[in-house]
Protein backbone atom coordinates (compact mmCIF):
# COMPACT_ATOMS: atom_id res chain seq x y z
CA MET A 1 -10.37 -15.80 31.69
CA PRO A 2 -7.02 -15.11 30.11
CA THR A 3 -6.36 -11.81 28.39
CA GLU A 4 -5.03 -11.67 24.84
CA THR A 5 -1.46 -10.40 24.41
CA ALA A 6 -0.65 -8.61 21.15
CA LEU A 7 1.95 -10.61 19.22
CA PRO A 8 4.89 -8.75 17.87
CA GLN A 9 4.56 -7.54 14.41
CA GLU A 10 6.49 -9.39 11.68
CA GLY A 11 10.03 -8.02 11.51
CA ALA A 12 9.50 -6.20 14.80
CA ASP A 13 11.97 -6.67 17.64
CA MET A 14 9.93 -8.52 20.23
CA PHE A 15 12.15 -6.97 23.09
CA GLU A 16 11.40 -3.47 21.76
CA HIS A 17 9.90 -1.20 24.47
CA PHE A 18 9.44 2.55 24.47
CA LYS A 19 10.19 4.31 27.71
CA THR A 20 10.00 7.91 26.53
CA PRO A 21 7.71 9.93 24.32
CA ARG A 22 10.82 10.77 22.27
CA GLU A 23 11.59 7.02 21.67
CA LEU A 24 7.94 6.38 20.63
CA PHE A 25 8.09 9.47 18.25
CA GLU A 26 11.32 8.51 16.69
CA TYR A 27 9.90 5.01 15.97
CA GLN A 28 6.73 6.38 14.57
CA LEU A 29 8.77 8.78 12.41
CA GLY A 30 10.43 5.66 10.97
CA ALA A 31 7.15 4.10 10.43
CA ALA A 32 6.18 7.28 8.40
CA LEU A 33 9.40 6.94 6.38
CA THR A 34 8.30 3.17 5.58
CA MET A 35 4.77 4.41 4.84
CA GLU A 36 6.03 6.84 2.36
CA ASP A 37 8.42 4.19 0.69
CA ASP A 38 5.39 1.76 0.46
CA SER A 39 3.18 4.48 -0.92
CA LEU A 40 5.75 5.40 -3.55
CA ALA A 41 5.81 1.73 -4.61
CA MET A 42 2.01 1.54 -4.79
CA LEU A 43 1.64 4.69 -6.73
CA ARG A 44 4.13 3.28 -9.25
CA GLU A 45 2.21 0.02 -9.62
CA LEU A 46 -1.13 2.02 -9.60
CA GLU A 47 0.22 4.27 -12.53
CA VAL A 48 1.05 1.26 -14.55
CA ALA A 49 -2.50 -0.17 -14.05
CA ALA A 50 -4.17 3.12 -14.62
CA GLN A 51 -6.09 3.48 -17.99
CA SER A 52 -6.39 7.19 -18.58
CA VAL A 53 -3.62 9.64 -19.14
CA GLU A 54 -5.27 11.99 -16.67
CA VAL A 55 -5.07 9.51 -13.93
CA LYS A 56 -1.59 8.44 -14.87
CA GLN A 57 -0.58 12.12 -14.71
CA LEU A 58 -2.22 12.53 -11.26
CA LEU A 59 -0.35 9.51 -9.83
CA LEU A 60 3.01 10.66 -11.35
CA HIS A 61 2.64 14.08 -9.66
CA HIS A 62 1.90 12.37 -6.38
CA GLN A 63 4.94 10.16 -6.71
CA GLN A 64 6.99 13.34 -7.03
CA GLU A 65 5.41 14.72 -3.90
CA THR A 66 6.03 11.48 -2.05
CA GLU A 67 9.73 11.54 -3.05
CA GLN A 68 9.81 15.00 -1.49
CA GLN A 69 8.01 13.85 1.59
CA ILE A 70 10.69 11.05 1.96
CA ARG A 71 13.40 13.85 1.79
CA SER A 72 11.55 15.83 4.47
CA LEU A 73 11.26 12.89 6.78
CA GLU A 74 14.83 12.19 6.33
CA GLN A 75 15.68 15.77 7.14
CA ALA A 76 13.46 15.49 10.10
CA PHE A 77 15.76 12.78 11.39
CA GLN A 78 18.76 14.87 10.78
CA LEU A 79 17.32 17.73 12.88
CA LEU A 80 16.80 15.17 15.67
CA GLY A 81 20.39 14.06 15.49
CA LYS A 82 19.34 10.66 14.27
CA GLU A 83 20.17 8.61 11.21
CA PRO A 84 17.09 7.98 9.14
CA SER A 85 15.52 4.67 10.21
CA ARG A 86 12.54 2.69 9.04
CA SER A 87 9.96 0.97 11.32
CA PRO A 88 7.47 -1.51 10.20
CA SER A 89 4.17 -0.06 8.61
CA ALA A 90 1.93 -2.99 8.11
CA THR A 91 -0.98 -0.60 7.21
CA THR A 92 0.47 0.47 3.92
CA LYS A 93 1.46 -2.87 2.95
CA GLY A 94 -1.92 -4.01 3.50
CA LEU A 95 -3.40 -1.21 1.43
CA MET A 96 -1.13 -1.95 -1.26
CA LYS A 97 -2.14 -5.68 -1.25
CA GLU A 98 -5.78 -4.73 -1.30
CA GLY A 99 -5.48 -2.25 -3.97
CA ASN A 100 -3.40 -4.73 -6.30
CA ALA A 101 -6.03 -7.46 -5.61
CA LEU A 102 -8.88 -5.25 -6.43
CA VAL A 103 -7.21 -3.97 -9.70
CA ALA A 104 -6.76 -7.59 -10.74
CA LYS A 105 -10.34 -8.42 -10.27
CA THR A 106 -11.60 -5.53 -12.04
CA ASP A 107 -12.65 -4.88 -15.76
CA LYS A 108 -10.34 -2.44 -17.47
CA SER A 109 -13.14 0.02 -17.79
CA LEU A 110 -13.33 0.36 -14.10
CA VAL A 111 -9.63 0.11 -13.18
CA ASP A 112 -9.24 3.85 -12.91
CA SER A 113 -12.00 4.01 -10.21
CA VAL A 114 -10.22 1.32 -8.38
CA VAL A 115 -6.70 3.02 -8.68
CA LEU A 116 -8.15 6.27 -7.45
CA SER A 117 -9.89 4.63 -4.56
CA ALA A 118 -6.66 2.79 -3.59
CA ALA A 119 -4.65 5.90 -3.71
CA LEU A 120 -7.41 7.75 -1.73
CA SER A 121 -7.21 5.16 0.94
CA THR A 122 -3.65 5.56 1.36
CA GLU A 123 -3.93 9.26 1.47
CA HIS A 124 -6.47 9.16 4.42
CA TYR A 125 -3.94 6.82 6.40
CA GLU A 126 -0.98 9.20 5.67
CA THR A 127 -3.00 12.19 6.63
CA ALA A 128 -3.99 10.63 9.93
CA SER A 129 -0.14 9.60 10.42
CA TYR A 130 1.18 13.15 9.88
CA GLU A 131 -1.62 14.62 12.29
CA SER A 132 -0.47 12.28 14.96
CA LEU A 133 3.16 13.04 14.28
CA CYS A 134 2.52 16.74 14.23
CA ILE A 135 0.89 16.59 17.76
CA ALA A 136 3.74 14.48 19.14
CA ALA A 137 6.34 16.75 17.55
CA GLU A 138 4.80 19.88 18.95
CA ALA A 139 4.58 18.33 22.51
CA LEU A 140 8.30 17.58 22.36
CA GLY A 141 9.10 20.96 21.17
CA VAL A 142 10.97 20.15 18.05
CA ALA A 143 9.81 23.04 16.05
CA GLY A 144 11.89 22.48 12.83
CA VAL A 145 10.52 18.88 12.75
CA VAL A 146 7.00 20.20 13.33
CA ASP A 147 7.39 22.56 10.28
CA LEU A 148 8.66 19.55 7.93
CA LEU A 149 5.75 17.37 9.16
CA LYS A 150 3.04 20.16 8.58
CA GLN A 151 4.28 20.47 4.99
CA ASN A 152 3.80 16.84 4.44
CA LEU A 153 0.46 16.98 5.97
CA GLN A 154 -0.49 19.88 3.80
CA GLN A 155 0.71 18.09 0.67
CA GLU A 156 -1.38 15.01 1.79
CA GLN A 157 -4.54 16.88 2.32
CA HIS A 158 -4.07 18.67 -1.05
CA THR A 159 -3.62 15.35 -2.80
CA SER A 160 -6.53 13.93 -1.20
CA ASP A 161 -8.69 16.78 -2.44
CA GLU A 162 -7.16 16.17 -5.99
CA LEU A 163 -7.94 12.54 -5.81
CA ASN A 164 -11.41 13.14 -4.51
CA GLN A 165 -12.18 15.48 -7.48
CA ALA A 166 -10.79 13.05 -9.94
CA ALA A 167 -12.74 10.10 -8.32
CA ARG A 168 -16.03 12.07 -8.41
CA LYS A 169 -15.54 13.16 -11.95
CA LEU A 170 -14.87 9.57 -13.07
CA ALA A 171 -17.64 8.13 -10.95
CA THR A 172 -20.16 10.61 -12.62
CA ALA A 173 -18.80 9.74 -16.12
CA THR A 174 -18.87 5.92 -15.35
CA ALA A 175 -22.37 5.95 -13.82
CA ALA A 176 -23.67 8.01 -16.86
CA ALA A 177 -22.31 5.51 -19.48
């Protein structure tokens, strides 16, 4: 029985092959940069779709944090002596597409619930990405990079908590109505 072979991702160099942990880490760092770019675009779209001022302000605050996280990732590349590069991040593109599709299908009275859910889904992915990057950076012994990644991770965890609180409050109010 033939085994399935993974096809190259759209936009990926089909001849790319990582031979060292450092090459893999740098690629994944580039994917994190793309992830944050995608997340920033998604947050802007979700802010436009959001109905309440409170949700809009939460998304605006997160956009500002995301811009800082992008700067931190660019600084991490500098510490590694590399130009910032972007690697594919299909997951964030999929999360954005899913969030937009659900917003389009949802009554305005429920859009904020969808917006918070979409933002929270992205936060969980970003948190997992930063946890993996921190592990790899620690193993590679790039302390300054570890510090930057841990700062981003802490921001993501904090934002996740804020989104959870807002989603709970909204779900309770919506269910009572």
